[in-house]
């Protein structure tokens, strides 16, 4: 069985691939979003037996406004720290969080 930190890093890799594919390659961005979601759901089931961010020990907090990424942050913060995630192509947890906050802010204005 793959360990939790490996899965968290795989999810992060998928999230970091999203910005480089927007807006010109939506189909690729969608592929990375779906991969991240499947891995998030795998960890959620391991943690509490359900999917969707309903773990009472690690509630999803609206940080970015992008629910899937916020679910990831809840999983990360349950047993790990942002520093545990390997930087990917210049992205770290802090910069990717800022990206999704800004993206949400922009799309909310549309």
C-alpha atoms as a PDB file:
ATOM      1  CA  UNK A   1       0.000   0.000   0.000  1.00  0.00           C
ATOM      2  CA  UNK A   2       1.252   3.469  -0.896  1.00  0.00           C
ATOM      3  CA  UNK A   3       1.948   5.659   2.101  1.00  0.00           C
ATOM      4  CA  UNK A   4      -0.004   8.789   2.835  1.00  0.00           C
ATOM      5  CA  UNK A   5       2.792  11.271   2.099  1.00  0.00           C
ATOM      6  CA  UNK A   6       3.411   9.699  -1.311  1.00  0.00           C
ATOM      7  CA  UNK A   7      -0.278  10.120  -2.171  1.00  0.00           C
ATOM      8  CA  UNK A   8      -0.276  13.717  -0.903  1.00  0.00           C
ATOM      9  CA  UNK A   9       2.728  14.470  -3.123  1.00  0.00           C
ATOM     10  CA  UNK A  10       1.040  12.845  -6.133  1.00  0.00           C
ATOM     11  CA  UNK A  11      -2.042  14.988  -5.551  1.00  0.00           C
ATOM     12  CA  UNK A  12       0.154  18.068  -5.338  1.00  0.00           C
ATOM     13  CA  UNK A  13       1.869  17.157  -8.626  1.00  0.00           C
ATOM     14  CA  UNK A  14      -1.521  16.984 -10.310  1.00  0.00           C
ATOM     15  CA  UNK A  15      -2.577  20.337  -8.891  1.00  0.00           C
ATOM     16  CA  UNK A  16       0.650  21.984 -10.095  1.00  0.00           C
ATOM     17  CA  UNK A  17      -0.033  20.753 -13.637  1.00  0.00           C
ATOM     18  CA  UNK A  18      -3.348  22.615 -13.787  1.00  0.00           C
ATOM     19  CA  UNK A  19      -2.048  26.218 -14.126  1.00  0.00           C
ATOM     20  CA  UNK A  20       0.283  25.386 -17.016  1.00  0.00           C
ATOM     21  CA  UNK A  21      -2.654  23.988 -18.988  1.00  0.00           C
ATOM     22  CA  UNK A  22      -5.116  26.830 -18.430  1.00  0.00           C
ATOM     23  CA  UNK A  23      -6.740  28.300 -20.432  1.00  0.00           C
ATOM     24  CA  UNK A  24      -5.431  26.807 -23.685  1.00  0.00           C
ATOM     25  CA  UNK A  25      -5.506  23.112 -22.837  1.00  0.00           C
ATOM     26  CA  UNK A  26      -8.641  22.689 -20.756  1.00  0.00           C
ATOM     27  CA  UNK A  27      -8.850  18.963 -21.518  1.00  0.00           C
ATOM     28  CA  UNK A  28      -5.423  18.425 -19.927  1.00  0.00           C
ATOM     29  CA  UNK A  29      -6.260  20.589 -16.912  1.00  0.00           C
ATOM     30  CA  UNK A  30      -9.437  18.535 -16.489  1.00  0.00           C
ATOM     31  CA  UNK A  31      -7.395  15.325 -16.577  1.00  0.00           C
ATOM     32  CA  UNK A  32      -5.169  16.564 -13.742  1.00  0.00           C
ATOM     33  CA  UNK A  33      -8.162  17.745 -11.726  1.00  0.00           C
ATOM     34  CA  UNK A  34      -9.773  14.306 -12.059  1.00  0.00           C
ATOM     35  CA  UNK A  35      -6.564  12.536 -11.027  1.00  0.00           C
ATOM     36  CA  UNK A  36      -6.212  14.776  -7.977  1.00  0.00           C
ATOM     37  CA  UNK A  37      -9.837  14.170  -7.022  1.00  0.00           C
ATOM     38  CA  UNK A  38      -9.492  10.381  -7.231  1.00  0.00           C
ATOM     39  CA  UNK A  39      -6.431  10.435  -4.984  1.00  0.00           C
ATOM     40  CA  UNK A  40      -8.126  12.823  -2.541  1.00  0.00           C
ATOM     41  CA  UNK A  41     -11.097  10.476  -2.357  1.00  0.00           C
ATOM     42  CA  UNK A  42      -8.750   7.544  -1.682  1.00  0.00           C
ATOM     43  CA  UNK A  43      -7.243   9.355   1.323  1.00  0.00           C
ATOM     44  CA  UNK A  44     -10.639  10.500   2.559  1.00  0.00           C
ATOM     45  CA  UNK A  45     -11.889   6.903   2.561  1.00  0.00           C
ATOM     46  CA  UNK A  46      -8.733   5.795   4.392  1.00  0.00           C
ATOM     47  CA  UNK A  47      -9.246   8.557   6.988  1.00  0.00           C
ATOM     48  CA  UNK A  48     -12.947   8.460   7.728  1.00  0.00           C
ATOM     49  CA  UNK A  49     -14.702   6.056   5.370  1.00  0.00           C
ATOM     50  CA  UNK A  50     -16.449   8.642   3.220  1.00  0.00           C
ATOM     51  CA  UNK A  51     -15.630  11.112   0.484  1.00  0.00           C
ATOM     52  CA  UNK A  52     -16.372  14.785   0.155  1.00  0.00           C
ATOM     53  CA  UNK A  53     -14.458  16.309   3.049  1.00  0.00           C
ATOM     54  CA  UNK A  54     -16.695  15.236   5.919  1.00  0.00           C
ATOM     55  CA  UNK A  55     -13.976  14.088   8.321  1.00  0.00           C
ATOM     56  CA  UNK A  56     -14.833  15.600  11.706  1.00  0.00           C
ATOM     57  CA  UNK A  57     -11.191  15.324  12.804  1.00  0.00           C
ATOM     58  CA  UNK A  58     -10.031  17.309   9.757  1.00  0.00           C
ATOM     59  CA  UNK A  59     -12.817  19.617   8.625  1.00  0.00           C
ATOM     60  CA  UNK A  60     -12.518  21.361   5.298  1.00  0.00           C
ATOM     61  CA  UNK A  61     -11.976  25.058   5.824  1.00  0.00           C
ATOM     62  CA  UNK A  62     -12.677  27.499   3.017  1.00  0.00           C
ATOM     63  CA  UNK A  63      -9.187  28.818   2.391  1.00  0.00           C
ATOM     64  CA  UNK A  64      -9.038  29.250  -1.369  1.00  0.00           C
ATOM     65  CA  UNK A  65     -12.645  28.948  -2.435  1.00  0.00           C
ATOM     66  CA  UNK A  66     -11.686  25.998  -4.652  1.00  0.00           C
ATOM     67  CA  UNK A  67     -13.299  23.181  -2.691  1.00  0.00           C
ATOM     68  CA  UNK A  68     -11.175  20.356  -4.119  1.00  0.00           C
ATOM     69  CA  UNK A  69      -7.936  22.088  -3.166  1.00  0.00           C
ATOM     70  CA  UNK A  70      -9.379  22.991   0.246  1.00  0.00           C
ATOM     71  CA  UNK A  71     -10.204  19.283   0.752  1.00  0.00           C
ATOM     72  CA  UNK A  72      -6.572  18.513  -0.090  1.00  0.00           C
ATOM     73  CA  UNK A  73      -5.350  21.045   2.470  1.00  0.00           C
ATOM     74  CA  UNK A  74      -7.591  19.448   5.125  1.00  0.00           C
ATOM     75  CA  UNK A  75      -6.070  16.042   4.369  1.00  0.00           C
ATOM     76  CA  UNK A  76      -2.562  17.472   4.397  1.00  0.00           C
ATOM     77  CA  UNK A  77      -3.024  19.260   7.702  1.00  0.00           C
ATOM     78  CA  UNK A  78      -4.544  16.239   9.429  1.00  0.00           C
ATOM     79  CA  UNK A  79      -1.258  14.307   9.767  1.00  0.00           C
ATOM     80  CA  UNK A  80       1.353  16.345   7.902  1.00  0.00           C
ATOM     81  CA  UNK A  81       2.648  19.856   7.362  1.00  0.00           C
ATOM     82  CA  UNK A  82       2.953  21.913   4.185  1.00  0.00           C
ATOM     83  CA  UNK A  83       6.740  21.558   4.472  1.00  0.00           C
ATOM     84  CA  UNK A  84       6.357  17.788   3.966  1.00  0.00           C
ATOM     85  CA  UNK A  85       5.233  18.326   0.373  1.00  0.00           C
ATOM     86  CA  UNK A  86       7.980  18.410  -2.223  1.00  0.00           C
ATOM     87  CA  UNK A  87       8.219  21.547  -4.329  1.00  0.00           C
ATOM     88  CA  UNK A  88       7.093  20.867  -7.877  1.00  0.00           C
ATOM     89  CA  UNK A  89       8.193  23.008 -10.854  1.00  0.00           C
ATOM     90  CA  UNK A  90       8.611  26.074  -8.658  1.00  0.00           C
ATOM     91  CA  UNK A  91       5.301  25.538  -6.843  1.00  0.00           C
ATOM     92  CA  UNK A  92       4.946  24.937  -3.117  1.00  0.00           C
ATOM     93  CA  UNK A  93       1.840  24.776  -0.937  1.00  0.00           C
ATOM     94  CA  UNK A  94       1.948  28.513  -0.217  1.00  0.00           C
ATOM     95  CA  UNK A  95       2.249  29.623  -3.866  1.00  0.00           C
ATOM     96  CA  UNK A  96      -0.364  27.141  -5.103  1.00  0.00           C
ATOM     97  CA  UNK A  97      -2.756  28.284  -2.364  1.00  0.00           C
ATOM     98  CA  UNK A  98      -2.264  31.891  -3.516  1.00  0.00           C
ATOM     99  CA  UNK A  99      -2.887  30.808  -7.117  1.00  0.00           C
ATOM    100  CA  UNK A 100      -6.210  29.113  -6.319  1.00  0.00           C
ATOM    101  CA  UNK A 101      -7.305  32.069  -4.146  1.00  0.00           C
ATOM    102  CA  UNK A 102      -6.612  34.457  -7.024  1.00  0.00           C
ATOM    103  CA  UNK A 103      -8.254  32.183  -9.598  1.00  0.00           C
ATOM    104  CA  UNK A 104     -11.358  31.906  -7.424  1.00  0.00           C
ATOM    105  CA  UNK A 105     -11.446  35.678  -6.933  1.00  0.00           C
ATOM    106  CA  UNK A 106     -11.221  36.247 -10.696  1.00  0.00           C
ATOM    107  CA  UNK A 107     -13.885  33.688 -11.581  1.00  0.00           C
ATOM    108  CA  UNK A 108     -16.222  35.030  -8.883  1.00  0.00           C
ATOM    109  CA  UNK A 109     -16.132  38.412 -10.626  1.00  0.00           C
ATOM    110  CA  UNK A 110     -17.224  36.940 -13.938  1.00  0.00           C
END
